[in-house]
Amino acid sequence: MRKMIDPSKHPDWLQPHSVEWYQHIGEHDGKYLYPWNSILDEPNGETIFDKEVLRMVEDKNVLDVGCGHGDFTIRCSTVAEKVTGFDITEQFIGSGRNQRMKNVSFVLGNTKDALPFERDEFDCAYIRKGPTSAYPLLSHVVKPGGRIIGLHPGDESGKELLRLFPDMFQQPTRKVMDVLTNRLKNSSFSRAEIESINSVEYLQSPIDVVKMCCFGQKDTVYKMVEEQKINQITETFHALATNKGFAVTFSRYIIRIEV
């Protein structure tokens, strides 16, 4: 079998979570949504996070850092007094503004350039898979005693895919837990904790493995992976899948902070 070219070595490869990667998703899709079909066991890190945030933001002035196209921002606005969504991608901000909710506003910016808000402007904040670089800044814009909740992919996410398809999925050079620990260490919060929550995600078809590998990438990368790997993926998928689908670890970190 011909050895596959490492997708990350393709000339069109975009570094995941880089500015260019987000811009491509914004230009290509207009929304930040996972393109693969899957079923998640309940409870899982994302549903736990969503329920906690919806309780936290009730009747509060809220900051959503890394809001994407604003779906969860809008959802929070149904119980919050006011929600401000903040994101680096112009197309995502445009999608959010098009929804025209009276108690929602969207601000374009980069957390690496600071947060353009007044001191103690917000009662609470959350980061739903957004930039970890925001944590050291949030103590300035969230009131003392206010709460912050964060959600980030866990280091064990999709670990089966790294083992089964090592030429498609590479181990990150730095662990998410190490990044989060360092961010919190450099933040002046009165209390902060990280919880790891693992559950199971069932991919529904072999092509969903390709979509997970190529999320946010250009069509040229996607077509290369599909062309070179779909036969092997299909064989492995059907050999290991249950009636629910192809099981992979769904790992999330939830950060709970008191300013």
C-alpha atoms as a PDB file:
ATOM      1  CA  MET A   1       0.000   0.000   0.000  1.00  0.00           C
ATOM      2  CA  ARG A   2       1.303   3.428  -0.930  1.00  0.00           C
ATOM      3  CA  LYS A   3       2.276   5.394   2.168  1.00  0.00           C
ATOM      4  CA  MET A   4       0.137   8.454   2.641  1.00  0.00           C
ATOM      5  CA  ILE A   5       1.588  11.943   2.632  1.00  0.00           C
ATOM      6  CA  ASP A   6       1.190  13.515   6.071  1.00  0.00           C
ATOM      7  CA  PRO A   7      -1.795  15.905   5.587  1.00  0.00           C
ATOM      8  CA  SER A   8      -0.021  18.562   7.637  1.00  0.00           C
ATOM      9  CA  LYS A   9       2.790  18.577   5.042  1.00  0.00           C
ATOM     10  CA  HIS A  10       0.392  19.423   2.210  1.00  0.00           C
ATOM     11  CA  PRO A  11       1.124  22.942   0.858  1.00  0.00           C
ATOM     12  CA  ASP A  12      -2.509  23.966   1.472  1.00  0.00           C
ATOM     13  CA  TRP A  13      -2.597  22.740   5.085  1.00  0.00           C
ATOM     14  CA  LEU A  14      -3.798  25.339   7.591  1.00  0.00           C
ATOM     15  CA  GLN A  15      -2.632  25.087  11.178  1.00  0.00           C
ATOM     16  CA  PRO A  16      -5.744  24.276  13.253  1.00  0.00           C
ATOM     17  CA  HIS A  17      -6.935  27.181  15.420  1.00  0.00           C
ATOM     18  CA  SER A  18      -4.699  29.667  13.645  1.00  0.00           C
ATOM     19  CA  VAL A  19      -6.150  32.966  12.406  1.00  0.00           C
ATOM     20  CA  GLU A  20      -5.958  31.685   8.818  1.00  0.00           C
ATOM     21  CA  TRP A  21      -7.762  28.462   9.761  1.00  0.00           C
ATOM     22  CA  TYR A  22     -10.666  30.340  11.352  1.00  0.00           C
ATOM     23  CA  GLN A  23     -10.830  32.757   8.434  1.00  0.00           C
ATOM     24  CA  HIS A  24     -11.065  29.852   5.996  1.00  0.00           C
ATOM     25  CA  ILE A  25     -13.953  28.315   7.947  1.00  0.00           C
ATOM     26  CA  GLY A  26     -15.667  31.686   8.042  1.00  0.00           C
ATOM     27  CA  GLU A  27     -15.253  32.247   4.313  1.00  0.00           C
ATOM     28  CA  HIS A  28     -16.086  28.658   3.304  1.00  0.00           C
ATOM     29  CA  ASP A  29     -18.907  27.822   5.748  1.00  0.00           C
ATOM     30  CA  GLY A  30     -19.871  31.067   7.480  1.00  0.00           C
ATOM     31  CA  LYS A  31     -20.334  29.101  10.722  1.00  0.00           C
ATOM     32  CA  TYR A  32     -18.175  27.175  13.156  1.00  0.00           C
ATOM     33  CA  LEU A  33     -19.852  23.747  13.100  1.00  0.00           C
ATOM     34  CA  TYR A  34     -18.353  20.272  13.133  1.00  0.00           C
ATOM     35  CA  PRO A  35     -18.985  18.767   9.664  1.00  0.00           C
ATOM     36  CA  TRP A  36     -19.028  15.087  10.675  1.00  0.00           C
ATOM     37  CA  ASN A  37     -22.094  13.102  11.748  1.00  0.00           C
ATOM     38  CA  SER A  38     -21.895  11.498  15.163  1.00  0.00           C
ATOM     39  CA  ILE A  39     -23.888  10.482  18.214  1.00  0.00           C
ATOM     40  CA  LEU A  40     -22.692  11.528  21.668  1.00  0.00           C
ATOM     41  CA  ASP A  41     -23.322   9.574  24.837  1.00  0.00           C
ATOM     42  CA  GLU A  42     -25.003  11.599  27.572  1.00  0.00           C
ATOM     43  CA  PRO A  43     -23.982  13.203  29.796  1.00  0.00           C
ATOM     44  CA  ASN A  44     -20.864  14.602  28.157  1.00  0.00           C
ATOM     45  CA  GLY A  45     -18.623  17.586  28.739  1.00  0.00           C
ATOM     46  CA  GLU A  46     -20.454  19.870  26.324  1.00  0.00           C
ATOM     47  CA  THR A  47     -23.976  19.255  27.662  1.00  0.00           C
ATOM     48  CA  ILE A  48     -22.725  19.646  31.237  1.00  0.00           C
ATOM     49  CA  PHE A  49     -21.020  22.928  30.309  1.00  0.00           C
ATOM     50  CA  ASP A  50     -24.076  24.274  28.465  1.00  0.00           C
ATOM     51  CA  LYS A  51     -26.390  23.610  31.417  1.00  0.00           C
ATOM     52  CA  GLU A  52     -23.988  25.228  33.885  1.00  0.00           C
ATOM     53  CA  VAL A  53     -23.550  28.330  31.731  1.00  0.00           C
ATOM     54  CA  LEU A  54     -27.286  28.779  31.201  1.00  0.00           C
ATOM     55  CA  ARG A  55     -27.769  28.733  34.972  1.00  0.00           C
ATOM     56  CA  MET A  56     -24.848  31.123  35.531  1.00  0.00           C
ATOM     57  CA  VAL A  57     -25.922  33.793  33.013  1.00  0.00           C
ATOM     58  CA  GLU A  58     -29.530  34.193  34.168  1.00  0.00           C
ATOM     59  CA  ASP A  59     -30.293  37.941  34.507  1.00  0.00           C
ATOM     60  CA  LYS A  60     -26.585  38.764  34.127  1.00  0.00           C
ATOM     61  CA  ASN A  61     -24.460  40.977  31.859  1.00  0.00           C
ATOM     62  CA  VAL A  62     -22.346  38.318  30.110  1.00  0.00           C
ATOM     63  CA  LEU A  63     -19.220  38.110  27.940  1.00  0.00           C
ATOM     64  CA  ASP A  64     -18.925  35.240  25.437  1.00  0.00           C
ATOM     65  CA  VAL A  65     -15.253  34.916  24.419  1.00  0.00           C
ATOM     66  CA  GLY A  66     -14.692  33.145  21.099  1.00  0.00           C
ATOM     67  CA  CYS A  67     -18.382  33.262  20.256  1.00  0.00           C
ATOM     68  CA  GLY A  68     -18.052  31.983  16.680  1.00  0.00           C
ATOM     69  CA  HIS A  69     -21.167  32.632  14.617  1.00  0.00           C
ATOM     70  CA  GLY A  70     -23.185  33.224  17.777  1.00  0.00           C
ATOM     71  CA  ASP A  71     -25.595  30.287  18.107  1.00  0.00           C
ATOM     72  CA  PHE A  72     -24.777  29.697  21.782  1.00  0.00           C
ATOM     73  CA  THR A  73     -24.600  33.457  22.369  1.00  0.00           C
ATOM     74  CA  ILE A  74     -28.182  33.758  21.156  1.00  0.00           C
ATOM     75  CA  ARG A  75     -29.229  30.797  23.271  1.00  0.00           C
ATOM     76  CA  CYS A  76     -27.797  32.454  26.385  1.00  0.00           C
ATOM     77  CA  SER A  77     -29.554  35.709  25.531  1.00  0.00           C
ATOM     78  CA  THR A  78     -32.922  34.035  26.202  1.00  0.00           C
ATOM     79  CA  VAL A  79     -32.132  34.041  29.948  1.00  0.00           C
ATOM     80  CA  ALA A  80     -29.367  36.687  30.322  1.00  0.00           C
ATOM     81  CA  GLU A  81     -29.948  40.422  30.690  1.00  0.00           C
ATOM     82  CA  LYS A  82     -27.306  41.171  28.046  1.00  0.00           C
ATOM     83  CA  VAL A  83     -24.694  39.146  26.146  1.00  0.00           C
ATOM     84  CA  THR A  84     -21.639  40.423  24.266  1.00  0.00           C
ATOM     85  CA  GLY A  85     -20.026  38.028  21.808  1.00  0.00           C
ATOM     86  CA  PHE A  86     -16.331  38.525  21.038  1.00  0.00           C
ATOM     87  CA  ASP A  87     -14.501  36.772  18.182  1.00  0.00           C
ATOM     88  CA  ILE A  88     -11.536  37.177  15.838  1.00  0.00           C
ATOM     89  CA  THR A  89     -13.326  36.068  12.638  1.00  0.00           C
ATOM     90  CA  GLU A  90     -15.178  38.805  10.760  1.00  0.00           C
ATOM     91  CA  GLN A  91     -17.503  36.387   8.949  1.00  0.00           C
ATOM     92  CA  PHE A  92     -18.603  34.817  12.251  1.00  0.00           C
ATOM     93  CA  ILE A  93     -19.275  38.237  13.775  1.00  0.00           C
ATOM     94  CA  GLY A  94     -21.276  39.188  10.682  1.00  0.00           C
ATOM     95  CA  SER A  95     -23.419  36.051  11.011  1.00  0.00           C
ATOM     96  CA  GLY A  96     -24.112  36.868  14.642  1.00  0.00           C
ATOM     97  CA  ARG A  97     -25.066  40.464  13.937  1.00  0.00           C
ATOM     98  CA  ASN A  98     -27.499  39.335  11.238  1.00  0.00           C
ATOM     99  CA  GLN A  99     -29.618  37.692  13.928  1.00  0.00           C
ATOM    100  CA  ARG A 100     -30.444  41.159  15.334  1.00  0.00           C
ATOM    101  CA  MET A 101     -31.266  40.303  18.960  1.00  0.00           C
ATOM    102  CA  LYS A 102     -31.964  43.345  21.137  1.00  0.00           C
ATOM    103  CA  ASN A 103     -29.907  42.224  24.134  1.00  0.00           C
ATOM    104  CA  VAL A 104     -26.979  40.829  22.093  1.00  0.00           C
ATOM    105  CA  SER A 105     -23.998  42.637  20.598  1.00  0.00           C
ATOM    106  CA  PHE A 106     -20.949  41.328  18.761  1.00  0.00           C
ATOM    107  CA  VAL A 107     -17.425  42.757  18.876  1.00  0.00           C
ATOM    108  CA  LEU A 108     -14.596  41.886  16.501  1.00  0.00           C
ATOM    109  CA  GLY A 109     -11.147  41.507  18.025  1.00  0.00           C
ATOM    110  CA  ASN A 110      -8.219  39.330  19.067  1.00  0.00           C
ATOM    111  CA  THR A 111      -7.619  38.308  22.695  1.00  0.00           C
ATOM    112  CA  LYS A 112      -3.881  38.539  22.014  1.00  0.00           C
ATOM    113  CA  ASP A 113      -4.418  42.285  21.522  1.00  0.00           C
ATOM    114  CA  ALA A 114      -6.354  42.586  24.844  1.00  0.00           C
ATOM    115  CA  LEU A 115     -10.084  42.732  25.551  1.00  0.00           C
ATOM    116  CA  PRO A 116     -11.629  46.089  24.489  1.00  0.00           C
ATOM    117  CA  PHE A 117     -13.992  46.400  27.457  1.00  0.00           C
ATOM    118  CA  GLU A 118     -14.224  48.479  30.621  1.00  0.00           C
ATOM    119  CA  ARG A 119     -12.923  47.233  33.942  1.00  0.00           C
ATOM    120  CA  ASP A 120     -15.555  45.181  35.823  1.00  0.00           C
ATOM    121  CA  GLU A 121     -17.960  45.570  32.892  1.00  0.00           C
ATOM    122  CA  PHE A 122     -19.394  42.039  33.079  1.00  0.00           C
ATOM    123  CA  ASP A 123     -21.032  39.989  35.800  1.00  0.00           C
ATOM    124  CA  CYS A 124     -19.665  36.741  34.370  1.00  0.00           C
ATOM    125  CA  ALA A 125     -18.073  35.238  31.268  1.00  0.00           C
ATOM    126  CA  TYR A 126     -17.638  31.956  29.471  1.00  0.00           C
ATOM    127  CA  ILE A 127     -15.341  30.489  26.828  1.00  0.00           C
ATOM    128  CA  ARG A 128     -16.956  27.711  24.797  1.00  0.00           C
ATOM    129  CA  LYS A 129     -14.001  26.147  22.947  1.00  0.00           C
ATOM    130  CA  GLY A 130     -12.586  29.637  22.433  1.00  0.00           C
ATOM    131  CA  PRO A 131      -9.108  31.115  22.957  1.00  0.00           C
ATOM    132  CA  THR A 132      -7.215  30.157  26.112  1.00  0.00           C
ATOM    133  CA  SER A 133      -5.250  33.420  25.790  1.00  0.00           C
ATOM    134  CA  ALA A 134      -8.285  35.234  27.228  1.00  0.00           C
ATOM    135  CA  TYR A 135      -7.972  33.827  30.750  1.00  0.00           C
ATOM    136  CA  PRO A 136      -5.297  36.210  32.108  1.00  0.00           C
ATOM    137  CA  LEU A 137      -7.388  39.141  30.797  1.00  0.00           C
ATOM    138  CA  LEU A 138     -10.775  38.195  32.205  1.00  0.00           C
ATOM    139  CA  SER A 139     -10.062  39.234  35.797  1.00  0.00           C
ATOM    140  CA  HIS A 140     -10.010  42.851  34.555  1.00  0.00           C
ATOM    141  CA  VAL A 141     -13.384  42.832  32.788  1.00  0.00           C
ATOM    142  CA  VAL A 142     -15.380  40.497  35.075  1.00  0.00           C
ATOM    143  CA  LYS A 143     -16.454  41.908  38.432  1.00  0.00           C
ATOM    144  CA  PRO A 144     -14.804  40.646  41.633  1.00  0.00           C
ATOM    145  CA  GLY A 145     -16.693  37.589  42.823  1.00  0.00           C
ATOM    146  CA  GLY A 146     -17.990  36.936  39.303  1.00  0.00           C
ATOM    147  CA  ARG A 147     -17.749  33.533  37.715  1.00  0.00           C
ATOM    148  CA  ILE A 148     -16.101  32.269  34.523  1.00  0.00           C
ATOM    149  CA  ILE A 149     -16.683  28.850  32.955  1.00  0.00           C
ATOM    150  CA  GLY A 150     -14.547  27.439  30.138  1.00  0.00           C
ATOM    151  CA  LEU A 151     -14.863  24.431  27.848  1.00  0.00           C
ATOM    152  CA  HIS A 152     -11.943  22.998  25.876  1.00  0.00           C
ATOM    153  CA  PRO A 153     -11.160  19.759  24.004  1.00  0.00           C
ATOM    154  CA  GLY A 154      -9.466  17.194  26.236  1.00  0.00           C
ATOM    155  CA  ASP A 155      -6.133  15.545  25.516  1.00  0.00           C
ATOM    156  CA  GLU A 156      -7.734  12.109  25.125  1.00  0.00           C
ATOM    157  CA  SER A 157     -10.182  13.182  22.405  1.00  0.00           C
ATOM    158  CA  GLY A 158     -10.083  10.776  19.475  1.00  0.00           C
ATOM    159  CA  LYS A 159      -7.116   8.866  20.898  1.00  0.00           C
ATOM    160  CA  GLU A 160      -8.271   5.755  19.029  1.00  0.00           C
ATOM    161  CA  LEU A 161      -7.865   7.588  15.725  1.00  0.00           C
ATOM    162  CA  LEU A 162      -4.242   8.452  16.520  1.00  0.00           C
ATOM    163  CA  ARG A 163      -3.575   4.764  17.128  1.00  0.00           C
ATOM    164  CA  LEU A 164      -5.483   3.416  14.101  1.00  0.00           C
ATOM    165  CA  PHE A 165      -4.543   6.119  11.572  1.00  0.00           C
ATOM    166  CA  PRO A 166      -1.202   7.595  12.709  1.00  0.00           C
ATOM    167  CA  ASP A 167      -0.499   8.981   9.228  1.00  0.00           C
ATOM    168  CA  MET A 168      -3.731  11.029   9.394  1.00  0.00           C
ATOM    169  CA  PHE A 169      -3.942  12.097  13.030  1.00  0.00           C
ATOM    170  CA  GLN A 170      -0.844  13.363  14.818  1.00  0.00           C
ATOM    171  CA  GLN A 171      -0.259  13.839  18.517  1.00  0.00           C
ATOM    172  CA  PRO A 172      -0.263  17.584  19.330  1.00  0.00           C
ATOM    173  CA  THR A 173       3.108  18.980  20.287  1.00  0.00           C
ATOM    174  CA  ARG A 174       1.702  20.440  23.499  1.00  0.00           C
ATOM    175  CA  LYS A 175      -0.957  19.061  25.830  1.00  0.00           C
ATOM    176  CA  VAL A 176      -4.114  21.142  26.294  1.00  0.00           C
ATOM    177  CA  MET A 177      -3.945  20.560  30.054  1.00  0.00           C
ATOM    178  CA  ASP A 178      -0.466  22.089  30.162  1.00  0.00           C
ATOM    179  CA  VAL A 179      -1.662  25.146  28.226  1.00  0.00           C
ATOM    180  CA  LEU A 180      -4.681  25.606  30.506  1.00  0.00           C
ATOM    181  CA  THR A 181      -2.629  25.144  33.674  1.00  0.00           C
ATOM    182  CA  ASN A 182      -0.148  27.748  32.489  1.00  0.00           C
ATOM    183  CA  ARG A 183      -2.915  30.224  31.577  1.00  0.00           C
ATOM    184  CA  LEU A 184      -4.527  29.896  35.001  1.00  0.00           C
ATOM    185  CA  LYS A 185      -1.169  30.156  36.743  1.00  0.00           C
ATOM    186  CA  ASN A 186      -0.664  33.538  35.067  1.00  0.00           C
ATOM    187  CA  SER A 187      -4.148  34.781  35.996  1.00  0.00           C
ATOM    188  CA  SER A 188      -5.125  36.525  39.212  1.00  0.00           C
ATOM    189  CA  PHE A 189      -8.244  34.537  40.089  1.00  0.00           C
ATOM    190  CA  SER A 190      -9.326  33.812  43.645  1.00  0.00           C
ATOM    191  CA  ARG A 191     -10.208  30.225  42.707  1.00  0.00           C
ATOM    192  CA  ALA A 192      -9.823  28.037  39.612  1.00  0.00           C
ATOM    193  CA  GLU A 193     -10.279  24.321  38.940  1.00  0.00           C
ATOM    194  CA  ILE A 194     -10.157  22.041  35.899  1.00  0.00           C
ATOM    195  CA  GLU A 195     -12.372  18.963  35.549  1.00  0.00           C
ATOM    196  CA  SER A 196     -11.747  16.283  32.917  1.00  0.00           C
ATOM    197  CA  ILE A 197     -14.867  14.594  31.527  1.00  0.00           C
ATOM    198  CA  ASN A 198     -14.656  11.661  29.122  1.00  0.00           C
ATOM    199  CA  SER A 199     -17.548  10.075  27.244  1.00  0.00           C
ATOM    200  CA  VAL A 200     -18.020   8.306  23.900  1.00  0.00           C
ATOM    201  CA  GLU A 201     -18.664   9.714  20.433  1.00  0.00           C
ATOM    202  CA  TYR A 202     -19.924   7.386  17.692  1.00  0.00           C
ATOM    203  CA  LEU A 203     -18.946   8.381  14.146  1.00  0.00           C
ATOM    204  CA  GLN A 204     -21.646   7.340  11.701  1.00  0.00           C
ATOM    205  CA  SER A 205     -19.727   6.533   8.508  1.00  0.00           C
ATOM    206  CA  PRO A 206     -16.163   6.155   7.190  1.00  0.00           C
ATOM    207  CA  ILE A 207     -16.306   9.579   5.535  1.00  0.00           C
ATOM    208  CA  ASP A 208     -16.860  11.127   8.977  1.00  0.00           C
ATOM    209  CA  VAL A 209     -13.321  10.040   9.901  1.00  0.00           C
ATOM    210  CA  VAL A 210     -12.041  12.002   6.894  1.00  0.00           C
ATOM    211  CA  LYS A 211     -14.156  15.023   7.876  1.00  0.00           C
ATOM    212  CA  MET A 212     -12.775  14.940  11.401  1.00  0.00           C
ATOM    213  CA  CYS A 213      -9.205  14.773  10.081  1.00  0.00           C
ATOM    214  CA  CYS A 214      -9.760  17.622   7.611  1.00  0.00           C
ATOM    215  CA  PHE A 215     -11.971  19.951   9.654  1.00  0.00           C
ATOM    216  CA  GLY A 216     -11.234  23.519   8.596  1.00  0.00           C
ATOM    217  CA  GLN A 217      -8.928  22.491   5.757  1.00  0.00           C
ATOM    218  CA  LYS A 218      -9.136  23.367   2.067  1.00  0.00           C
ATOM    219  CA  ASP A 219     -10.778  20.986  -0.406  1.00  0.00           C
ATOM    220  CA  THR A 220      -7.387  19.984  -1.811  1.00  0.00           C
ATOM    221  CA  VAL A 221      -6.357  18.498   1.540  1.00  0.00           C
ATOM    222  CA  TYR A 222      -9.722  16.790   2.006  1.00  0.00           C
ATOM    223  CA  LYS A 223      -9.586  15.189  -1.453  1.00  0.00           C
ATOM    224  CA  MET A 224      -6.042  13.924  -0.899  1.00  0.00           C
ATOM    225  CA  VAL A 225      -6.960  12.227   2.375  1.00  0.00           C
ATOM    226  CA  GLU A 226     -10.155  10.754   0.946  1.00  0.00           C
ATOM    227  CA  GLU A 227      -8.406   9.440  -2.151  1.00  0.00           C
ATOM    228  CA  GLN A 228      -5.517   7.831  -0.302  1.00  0.00           C
ATOM    229  CA  LYS A 229      -7.234   6.531   2.847  1.00  0.00           C
ATOM    230  CA  ILE A 230     -10.940   5.856   2.287  1.00  0.00           C
ATOM    231  CA  ASN A 231     -10.470   2.137   1.534  1.00  0.00           C
ATOM    232  CA  GLN A 232      -8.454   1.517   4.690  1.00  0.00           C
ATOM    233  CA  ILE A 233     -10.804   3.684   6.762  1.00  0.00           C
ATOM    234  CA  THR A 234     -13.847   1.822   5.456  1.00  0.00           C
ATOM    235  CA  GLU A 235     -12.310  -1.576   6.250  1.00  0.00           C
ATOM    236  CA  THR A 236     -11.321  -0.514   9.769  1.00  0.00           C
ATOM    237  CA  PHE A 237     -14.614   1.268  10.390  1.00  0.00           C
ATOM    238  CA  HIS A 238     -16.772  -1.749   9.560  1.00  0.00           C
ATOM    239  CA  ALA A 239     -14.495  -4.102  11.476  1.00  0.00           C
ATOM    240  CA  LEU A 240     -14.797  -2.082  14.709  1.00  0.00           C
ATOM    241  CA  ALA A 241     -18.152  -0.266  14.511  1.00  0.00           C
ATOM    242  CA  THR A 242     -21.112  -1.240  16.684  1.00  0.00           C
ATOM    243  CA  ASN A 243     -24.769  -0.655  15.881  1.00  0.00           C
ATOM    244  CA  LYS A 244     -24.299   2.880  17.267  1.00  0.00           C
ATOM    245  CA  GLY A 245     -21.275   3.658  15.097  1.00  0.00           C
ATOM    246  CA  PHE A 246     -17.488   3.839  15.326  1.00  0.00           C
ATOM    247  CA  ALA A 247     -16.599   4.636  18.947  1.00  0.00           C
ATOM    248  CA  VAL A 248     -13.957   7.237  19.805  1.00  0.00           C
ATOM    249  CA  THR A 249     -13.213   9.012  23.055  1.00  0.00           C
ATOM    250  CA  PHE A 250     -14.988  12.359  23.494  1.00  0.00           C
ATOM    251  CA  SER A 251     -12.910  14.285  26.013  1.00  0.00           C
ATOM    252  CA  ARG A 252     -13.522  17.759  27.398  1.00  0.00           C
ATOM    253  CA  TYR A 253     -12.015  19.978  30.093  1.00  0.00           C
ATOM    254  CA  ILE A 254     -14.337  22.250  32.044  1.00  0.00           C
ATOM    255  CA  ILE A 255     -12.742  25.180  33.870  1.00  0.00           C
ATOM    256  CA  ARG A 256     -14.614  26.794  36.761  1.00  0.00           C
ATOM    257  CA  ILE A 257     -13.276  30.126  38.003  1.00  0.00           C
ATOM    258  CA  GLU A 258     -14.178  32.701  40.642  1.00  0.00           C
ATOM    259  CA  VAL A 259     -12.682  36.139  40.051  1.00  0.00           C
END
